[in-house]
Amino acid sequence: MKKPTTKQLNWLKRGLQQAGGKLPLFDKNGQHYDNRLIKACITHGWAEPWFNNPLKPDWLVCKLTDNGRAACTKATHSSD
């Protein structure tokens, strides 16, 4: 199983404490996350689209999958 990059992992981990595993649209500096990062996480099964935003259809609103949670847990435990 492929491991998330540092950027991907940082994005995924932000969903661990959110209701329903909702992943953020913006980083801690208020910058929109790159759609390539989000799409890569979807492709690897770590995130999935949650719903379409009718006001901003180009924004990918996603949530963590069980595989995404597992990838975050593995990365946390392997860095101890």
PDB file of N, CA and C in Angstrom:
ATOM      1  N   MET A   1       0.838  -1.191   0.000  1.00  0.00           N
ATOM      2  CA  MET A   1       0.000   0.000   0.000  1.00  0.00           C
ATOM      3  C   MET A   1       0.879   1.250   0.000  1.00  0.00           C
ATOM      4  N   LYS A   2       0.591   2.148  -0.874  1.00  0.00           N
ATOM      5  CA  LYS A   2       1.353   3.392  -0.979  1.00  0.00           C
ATOM      6  C   LYS A   2       1.112   4.261   0.246  1.00  0.00           C
ATOM      7  N   LYS A   3       2.146   4.986   0.658  1.00  0.00           N
ATOM      8  CA  LYS A   3       2.036   5.899   1.794  1.00  0.00           C
ATOM      9  C   LYS A   3       1.779   7.308   1.294  1.00  0.00           C
ATOM     10  N   PRO A   4       0.996   8.082   2.043  1.00  0.00           N
ATOM     11  CA  PRO A   4       0.778   9.476   1.659  1.00  0.00           C
ATOM     12  C   PRO A   4       2.069  10.291   1.791  1.00  0.00           C
ATOM     13  N   THR A   5       2.206  11.291   0.930  1.00  0.00           N
ATOM     14  CA  THR A   5       3.322  12.226   1.070  1.00  0.00           C
ATOM     15  C   THR A   5       3.095  13.065   2.327  1.00  0.00           C
ATOM     16  N   THR A   6       4.068  13.821   2.722  1.00  0.00           N
ATOM     17  CA  THR A   6       3.929  14.684   3.898  1.00  0.00           C
ATOM     18  C   THR A   6       2.769  15.656   3.730  1.00  0.00           C
ATOM     19  N   LYS A   7       2.655  16.289   2.567  1.00  0.00           N
ATOM     20  CA  LYS A   7       1.554  17.235   2.325  1.00  0.00           C
ATOM     21  C   LYS A   7       0.205  16.536   2.369  1.00  0.00           C
ATOM     22  N   GLN A   8       0.130  15.371   1.747  1.00  0.00           N
ATOM     23  CA  GLN A   8      -1.119  14.616   1.752  1.00  0.00           C
ATOM     24  C   GLN A   8      -1.489  14.207   3.179  1.00  0.00           C
ATOM     25  N   LEU A   9      -0.508  13.732   3.916  1.00  0.00           N
ATOM     26  CA  LEU A   9      -0.744  13.286   5.284  1.00  0.00           C
ATOM     27  C   LEU A   9      -1.204  14.446   6.172  1.00  0.00           C
ATOM     28  N   ASN A  10      -0.584  15.599   6.010  1.00  0.00           N
ATOM     29  CA  ASN A  10      -0.991  16.765   6.801  1.00  0.00           C
ATOM     30  C   ASN A  10      -2.438  17.133   6.520  1.00  0.00           C
ATOM     31  N   TRP A  11      -2.858  17.040   5.259  1.00  0.00           N
ATOM     32  CA  TRP A  11      -4.244  17.335   4.897  1.00  0.00           C
ATOM     33  C   TRP A  11      -5.179  16.280   5.496  1.00  0.00           C
ATOM     34  N   LEU A  12      -4.824  15.018   5.328  1.00  0.00           N
ATOM     35  CA  LEU A  12      -5.669  13.932   5.827  1.00  0.00           C
ATOM     36  C   LEU A  12      -5.836  13.990   7.346  1.00  0.00           C
ATOM     37  N   LYS A  13      -4.759  14.267   8.065  1.00  0.00           N
ATOM     38  CA  LYS A  13      -4.810  14.306   9.528  1.00  0.00           C
ATOM     39  C   LYS A  13      -5.760  15.383  10.039  1.00  0.00           C
ATOM     40  N   ARG A  14      -5.945  16.441   9.271  1.00  0.00           N
ATOM     41  CA  ARG A  14      -6.860  17.504   9.704  1.00  0.00           C
ATOM     42  C   ARG A  14      -8.302  17.022   9.748  1.00  0.00           C
ATOM     43  N   GLY A  15      -8.615  15.949   9.051  1.00  0.00           N
ATOM     44  CA  GLY A  15      -9.967  15.395   9.078  1.00  0.00           C
ATOM     45  C   GLY A  15     -10.233  14.486  10.267  1.00  0.00           C
ATOM     46  N   LEU A  16      -9.182  14.075  10.967  1.00  0.00           N
ATOM     47  CA  LEU A  16      -9.364  13.137  12.075  1.00  0.00           C
ATOM     48  C   LEU A  16     -10.224  13.713  13.199  1.00  0.00           C
ATOM     49  N   GLN A  17     -10.136  14.998  13.431  1.00  0.00           N
ATOM     50  CA  GLN A  17     -10.864  15.615  14.537  1.00  0.00           C
ATOM     51  C   GLN A  17     -12.149  16.310  14.101  1.00  0.00           C
ATOM     52  N   GLN A  18     -12.524  16.177  12.841  1.00  0.00           N
ATOM     53  CA  GLN A  18     -13.715  16.847  12.327  1.00  0.00           C
ATOM     54  C   GLN A  18     -14.907  15.899  12.273  1.00  0.00           C
ATOM     55  N   ALA A  19     -16.072  16.455  12.460  1.00  0.00           N
ATOM     56  CA  ALA A  19     -17.292  15.656  12.386  1.00  0.00           C
ATOM     57  C   ALA A  19     -17.386  14.966  11.029  1.00  0.00           C
ATOM     58  N   GLY A  20     -17.585  13.670  11.047  1.00  0.00           N
ATOM     59  CA  GLY A  20     -17.708  12.907   9.808  1.00  0.00           C
ATOM     60  C   GLY A  20     -16.421  12.790   9.022  1.00  0.00           C
ATOM     61  N   GLY A  21     -15.299  13.245   9.590  1.00  0.00           N
ATOM     62  CA  GLY A  21     -14.018  13.177   8.890  1.00  0.00           C
ATOM     63  C   GLY A  21     -13.871  14.213   7.787  1.00  0.00           C
ATOM     64  N   LYS A  22     -14.637  15.315   7.885  1.00  0.00           N
ATOM     65  CA  LYS A  22     -14.589  16.354   6.845  1.00  0.00           C
ATOM     66  C   LYS A  22     -13.173  16.900   6.703  1.00  0.00           C
ATOM     67  N   LEU A  23     -12.727  16.953   5.470  1.00  0.00           N
ATOM     68  CA  LEU A  23     -11.394  17.459   5.170  1.00  0.00           C
ATOM     69  C   LEU A  23     -11.485  18.935   4.781  1.00  0.00           C
ATOM     70  N   PRO A  24     -10.477  19.713   5.168  1.00  0.00           N
ATOM     71  CA  PRO A  24     -10.541  21.158   4.947  1.00  0.00           C
ATOM     72  C   PRO A  24     -10.322  21.550   3.483  1.00  0.00           C
ATOM     73  N   LEU A  25     -10.905  22.664   3.127  1.00  0.00           N
ATOM     74  CA  LEU A  25     -10.685  23.240   1.800  1.00  0.00           C
ATOM     75  C   LEU A  25      -9.454  24.135   1.786  1.00  0.00           C
ATOM     76  N   PHE A  26      -9.109  24.684   2.973  1.00  0.00           N
ATOM     77  CA  PHE A  26      -8.026  25.657   3.079  1.00  0.00           C
ATOM     78  C   PHE A  26      -7.004  25.201   4.110  1.00  0.00           C
ATOM     79  N   ASP A  27      -5.737  25.530   3.847  1.00  0.00           N
ATOM     80  CA  ASP A  27      -4.688  25.189   4.807  1.00  0.00           C
ATOM     81  C   ASP A  27      -4.708  26.182   5.970  1.00  0.00           C
ATOM     82  N   LYS A  28      -3.800  26.010   6.908  1.00  0.00           N
ATOM     83  CA  LYS A  28      -3.768  26.854   8.112  1.00  0.00           C
ATOM     84  C   LYS A  28      -3.416  28.303   7.807  1.00  0.00           C
ATOM     85  N   ASN A  29      -2.904  28.560   6.596  1.00  0.00           N
ATOM     86  CA  ASN A  29      -2.591  29.930   6.174  1.00  0.00           C
ATOM     87  C   ASN A  29      -3.700  30.530   5.318  1.00  0.00           C
ATOM     88  N   GLY A  30      -4.808  29.816   5.188  1.00  0.00           N
ATOM     89  CA  GLY A  30      -5.936  30.315   4.415  1.00  0.00           C
ATOM     90  C   GLY A  30      -5.828  30.095   2.915  1.00  0.00           C
ATOM     91  N   GLN A  31      -4.862  29.299   2.487  1.00  0.00           N
ATOM     92  CA  GLN A  31      -4.688  29.015   1.068  1.00  0.00           C
ATOM     93  C   GLN A  31      -5.487  27.767   0.685  1.00  0.00           C
ATOM     94  N   HIS A  32      -6.124  27.813  -0.472  1.00  0.00           N
ATOM     95  CA  HIS A  32      -6.904  26.677  -0.961  1.00  0.00           C
ATOM     96  C   HIS A  32      -5.961  25.515  -1.261  1.00  0.00           C
ATOM     97  N   TYR A  33      -6.323  24.328  -0.797  1.00  0.00           N
ATOM     98  CA  TYR A  33      -5.503  23.151  -1.100  1.00  0.00           C
ATOM     99  C   TYR A  33      -5.529  22.881  -2.597  1.00  0.00           C
ATOM    100  N   ASP A  34      -4.413  22.443  -3.113  1.00  0.00           N
ATOM    101  CA  ASP A  34      -4.266  22.125  -4.531  1.00  0.00           C
ATOM    102  C   ASP A  34      -5.172  20.936  -4.880  1.00  0.00           C
ATOM    103  N   ASN A  35      -5.975  21.088  -5.929  1.00  0.00           N
ATOM    104  CA  ASN A  35      -6.866  20.005  -6.351  1.00  0.00           C
ATOM    105  C   ASN A  35      -6.104  18.741  -6.723  1.00  0.00           C
ATOM    106  N   ARG A  36      -4.847  18.875  -7.171  1.00  0.00           N
ATOM    107  CA  ARG A  36      -4.052  17.676  -7.501  1.00  0.00           C
ATOM    108  C   ARG A  36      -3.783  16.848  -6.254  1.00  0.00           C
ATOM    109  N   LEU A  37      -3.518  17.500  -5.115  1.00  0.00           N
ATOM    110  CA  LEU A  37      -3.301  16.807  -3.856  1.00  0.00           C
ATOM    111  C   LEU A  37      -4.583  16.072  -3.453  1.00  0.00           C
ATOM    112  N   ILE A  38      -5.710  16.763  -3.544  1.00  0.00           N
ATOM    113  CA  ILE A  38      -6.997  16.184  -3.170  1.00  0.00           C
ATOM    114  C   ILE A  38      -7.340  15.010  -4.082  1.00  0.00           C
ATOM    115  N   LYS A  39      -7.180  15.189  -5.384  1.00  0.00           N
ATOM    116  CA  LYS A  39      -7.497  14.117  -6.332  1.00  0.00           C
ATOM    117  C   LYS A  39      -6.591  12.904  -6.143  1.00  0.00           C
ATOM    118  N   ALA A  40      -5.329  13.120  -5.805  1.00  0.00           N
ATOM    119  CA  ALA A  40      -4.409  12.005  -5.549  1.00  0.00           C
ATOM    120  C   ALA A  40      -4.875  11.205  -4.332  1.00  0.00           C
ATOM    121  N   CYS A  41      -5.335  11.909  -3.295  1.00  0.00           N
ATOM    122  CA  CYS A  41      -5.827  11.218  -2.108  1.00  0.00           C
ATOM    123  C   CYS A  41      -7.095  10.431  -2.421  1.00  0.00           C
ATOM    124  N   ILE A  42      -7.946  10.970  -3.274  1.00  0.00           N
ATOM    125  CA  ILE A  42      -9.150  10.254  -3.697  1.00  0.00           C
ATOM    126  C   ILE A  42      -8.752   9.004  -4.490  1.00  0.00           C
ATOM    127  N   THR A  43      -7.808   9.162  -5.413  1.00  0.00           N
ATOM    128  CA  THR A  43      -7.345   8.043  -6.238  1.00  0.00           C
ATOM    129  C   THR A  43      -6.792   6.905  -5.386  1.00  0.00           C
ATOM    130  N   HIS A  44      -6.079   7.241  -4.311  1.00  0.00           N
ATOM    131  CA  HIS A  44      -5.491   6.217  -3.441  1.00  0.00           C
ATOM    132  C   HIS A  44      -6.483   5.675  -2.412  1.00  0.00           C
ATOM    133  N   GLY A  45      -7.695   6.223  -2.400  1.00  0.00           N
ATOM    134  CA  GLY A  45      -8.714   5.710  -1.493  1.00  0.00           C
ATOM    135  C   GLY A  45      -8.637   6.255  -0.082  1.00  0.00           C
ATOM    136  N   TRP A  46      -7.863   7.321   0.149  1.00  0.00           N
ATOM    137  CA  TRP A  46      -7.734   7.908   1.482  1.00  0.00           C
ATOM    138  C   TRP A  46      -8.813   8.942   1.764  1.00  0.00           C
ATOM    139  N   ALA A  47      -9.417   9.472   0.719  1.00  0.00           N
ATOM    140  CA  ALA A  47     -10.479  10.467   0.836  1.00  0.00           C
ATOM    141  C   ALA A  47     -11.529  10.148  -0.217  1.00  0.00           C
ATOM    142  N   GLU A  48     -12.732  10.670   0.011  1.00  0.00           N
ATOM    143  CA  GLU A  48     -13.786  10.505  -0.978  1.00  0.00           C
ATOM    144  C   GLU A  48     -14.620  11.773  -1.033  1.00  0.00           C
ATOM    145  N   PRO A  49     -15.143  12.082  -2.206  1.00  0.00           N
ATOM    146  CA  PRO A  49     -16.018  13.254  -2.302  1.00  0.00           C
ATOM    147  C   PRO A  49     -17.210  13.080  -1.361  1.00  0.00           C
ATOM    148  N   TRP A  50     -17.586  14.170  -0.690  1.00  0.00           N
ATOM    149  CA  TRP A  50     -18.672  14.106   0.273  1.00  0.00           C
ATOM    150  C   TRP A  50     -19.955  14.654  -0.331  1.00  0.00           C
ATOM    151  N   PHE A  51     -19.862  15.851  -0.878  1.00  0.00           N
ATOM    152  CA  PHE A  51     -21.024  16.431  -1.552  1.00  0.00           C
ATOM    153  C   PHE A  51     -20.547  17.511  -2.502  1.00  0.00           C
ATOM    154  N   ASN A  52     -21.392  17.871  -3.446  1.00  0.00           N
ATOM    155  CA  ASN A  52     -21.081  18.945  -4.395  1.00  0.00           C
ATOM    156  C   ASN A  52     -21.487  20.271  -3.796  1.00  0.00           C
ATOM    157  N   ASN A  53     -20.637  21.263  -3.957  1.00  0.00           N
ATOM    158  CA  ASN A  53     -20.926  22.602  -3.482  1.00  0.00           C
ATOM    159  C   ASN A  53     -21.530  23.377  -4.648  1.00  0.00           C
ATOM    160  N   PRO A  54     -22.837  23.670  -4.610  1.00  0.00           N
ATOM    161  CA  PRO A  54     -23.469  24.344  -5.746  1.00  0.00           C
ATOM    162  C   PRO A  54     -22.942  25.759  -5.978  1.00  0.00           C
ATOM    163  N   LEU A  55     -22.433  26.406  -4.945  1.00  0.00           N
ATOM    164  CA  LEU A  55     -21.898  27.766  -5.105  1.00  0.00           C
ATOM    165  C   LEU A  55     -20.483  27.766  -5.681  1.00  0.00           C
ATOM    166  N   LYS A  56     -19.730  26.712  -5.386  1.00  0.00           N
ATOM    167  CA  LYS A  56     -18.355  26.587  -5.873  1.00  0.00           C
ATOM    168  C   LYS A  56     -18.157  25.166  -6.406  1.00  0.00           C
ATOM    169  N   PRO A  57     -18.678  24.862  -7.594  1.00  0.00           N
ATOM    170  CA  PRO A  57     -18.619  23.483  -8.097  1.00  0.00           C
ATOM    171  C   PRO A  57     -17.203  22.961  -8.336  1.00  0.00           C
ATOM    172  N   ASP A  58     -16.214  23.839  -8.435  1.00  0.00           N
ATOM    173  CA  ASP A  58     -14.839  23.387  -8.641  1.00  0.00           C
ATOM    174  C   ASP A  58     -14.156  23.000  -7.327  1.00  0.00           C
ATOM    175  N   TRP A  59     -14.783  23.271  -6.182  1.00  0.00           N
ATOM    176  CA  TRP A  59     -14.219  22.884  -4.890  1.00  0.00           C
ATOM    177  C   TRP A  59     -14.596  21.441  -4.597  1.00  0.00           C
ATOM    178  N   LEU A  60     -13.603  20.643  -4.236  1.00  0.00           N
ATOM    179  CA  LEU A  60     -13.829  19.248  -3.892  1.00  0.00           C
ATOM    180  C   LEU A  60     -14.026  19.141  -2.375  1.00  0.00           C
ATOM    181  N   VAL A  61     -15.260  18.971  -1.934  1.00  0.00           N
ATOM    182  CA  VAL A  61     -15.555  18.797  -0.513  1.00  0.00           C
ATOM    183  C   VAL A  61     -15.457  17.302  -0.241  1.00  0.00           C
ATOM    184  N   CYS A  62     -14.502  16.921   0.610  1.00  0.00           N
ATOM    185  CA  CYS A  62     -14.210  15.505   0.830  1.00  0.00           C
ATOM    186  C   CYS A  62     -14.216  15.151   2.296  1.00  0.00           C
ATOM    187  N   LYS A  63     -14.221  13.844   2.536  1.00  0.00           N
ATOM    188  CA  LYS A  63     -14.104  13.314   3.889  1.00  0.00           C
ATOM    189  C   LYS A  63     -13.136  12.140   3.866  1.00  0.00           C
ATOM    190  N   LEU A  64     -12.616  11.828   5.039  1.00  0.00           N
ATOM    191  CA  LEU A  64     -11.716  10.691   5.178  1.00  0.00           C
ATOM    192  C   LEU A  64     -12.447   9.384   4.945  1.00  0.00           C
ATOM    193  N   THR A  65     -11.749   8.429   4.389  1.00  0.00           N
ATOM    194  CA  THR A  65     -12.261   7.062   4.295  1.00  0.00           C
ATOM    195  C   THR A  65     -11.610   6.252   5.414  1.00  0.00           C
ATOM    196  N   ASP A  66     -12.047   5.029   5.576  1.00  0.00           N
ATOM    197  CA  ASP A  66     -11.408   4.146   6.559  1.00  0.00           C
ATOM    198  C   ASP A  66      -9.937   3.945   6.208  1.00  0.00           C
ATOM    199  N   ASN A  67      -9.629   3.845   4.901  1.00  0.00           N
ATOM    200  CA  ASN A  67      -8.228   3.707   4.475  1.00  0.00           C
ATOM    201  C   ASN A  67      -7.425   4.964   4.808  1.00  0.00           C
ATOM    202  N   GLY A  68      -8.062   6.121   4.708  1.00  0.00           N
ATOM    203  CA  GLY A  68      -7.399   7.378   5.060  1.00  0.00           C
ATOM    204  C   GLY A  68      -7.072   7.441   6.542  1.00  0.00           C
ATOM    205  N   ARG A  69      -8.024   7.014   7.364  1.00  0.00           N
ATOM    206  CA  ARG A  69      -7.777   6.965   8.817  1.00  0.00           C
ATOM    207  C   ARG A  69      -6.633   5.999   9.130  1.00  0.00           C
ATOM    208  N   ALA A  70      -6.633   4.850   8.463  1.00  0.00           N
ATOM    209  CA  ALA A  70      -5.578   3.855   8.680  1.00  0.00           C
ATOM    210  C   ALA A  70      -4.217   4.411   8.265  1.00  0.00           C
ATOM    211  N   ALA A  71      -4.172   5.135   7.146  1.00  0.00           N
ATOM    212  CA  ALA A  71      -2.902   5.710   6.681  1.00  0.00           C
ATOM    213  C   ALA A  71      -2.380   6.733   7.694  1.00  0.00           C
ATOM    214  N   CYS A  72      -3.279   7.519   8.276  1.00  0.00           N
ATOM    215  CA  CYS A  72      -2.872   8.500   9.289  1.00  0.00           C
ATOM    216  C   CYS A  72      -2.357   7.794  10.543  1.00  0.00           C
ATOM    217  N   THR A  73      -3.031   6.747  10.943  1.00  0.00           N
ATOM    218  CA  THR A  73      -2.641   6.002  12.146  1.00  0.00           C
ATOM    219  C   THR A  73      -1.298   5.319  11.939  1.00  0.00           C
ATOM    220  N   LYS A  74      -1.114   4.704  10.770  1.00  0.00           N
ATOM    221  CA  LYS A  74       0.156   4.038  10.468  1.00  0.00           C
ATOM    222  C   LYS A  74       1.306   5.056  10.484  1.00  0.00           C
ATOM    223  N   ALA A  75       1.085   6.202   9.864  1.00  0.00           N
ATOM    224  CA  ALA A  75       2.132   7.224   9.791  1.00  0.00           C
ATOM    225  C   ALA A  75       2.467   7.757  11.167  1.00  0.00           C
ATOM    226  N   THR A  76       1.455   7.919  12.029  1.00  0.00           N
ATOM    227  CA  THR A  76       1.681   8.415  13.389  1.00  0.00           C
ATOM    228  C   THR A  76       2.472   7.409  14.189  1.00  0.00           C
ATOM    229  N   HIS A  77       2.116   6.141  14.072  1.00  0.00           N
ATOM    230  CA  HIS A  77       2.812   5.104  14.837  1.00  0.00           C
ATOM    231  C   HIS A  77       4.211   4.820  14.313  1.00  0.00           C
ATOM    232  N   SER A  78       4.423   4.965  13.010  1.00  0.00           N
ATOM    233  CA  SER A  78       5.749   4.686  12.455  1.00  0.00           C
ATOM    234  C   SER A  78       6.728   5.817  12.729  1.00  0.00           C
ATOM    235  N   SER A  79       6.225   7.007  13.115  1.00  0.00           N
ATOM    236  CA  SER A  79       7.134   8.127  13.402  1.00  0.00           C
ATOM    237  C   SER A  79       7.480   8.217  14.872  1.00  0.00           C
ATOM    238  N   ASP A  80       6.879   7.326  15.714  1.00  0.00           N
ATOM    239  CA  ASP A  80       7.174   7.330  17.162  1.00  0.00           C
ATOM    240  C   ASP A  80       8.539   6.752  17.443  1.00  0.00           C
TER     241      ASP A  80
END
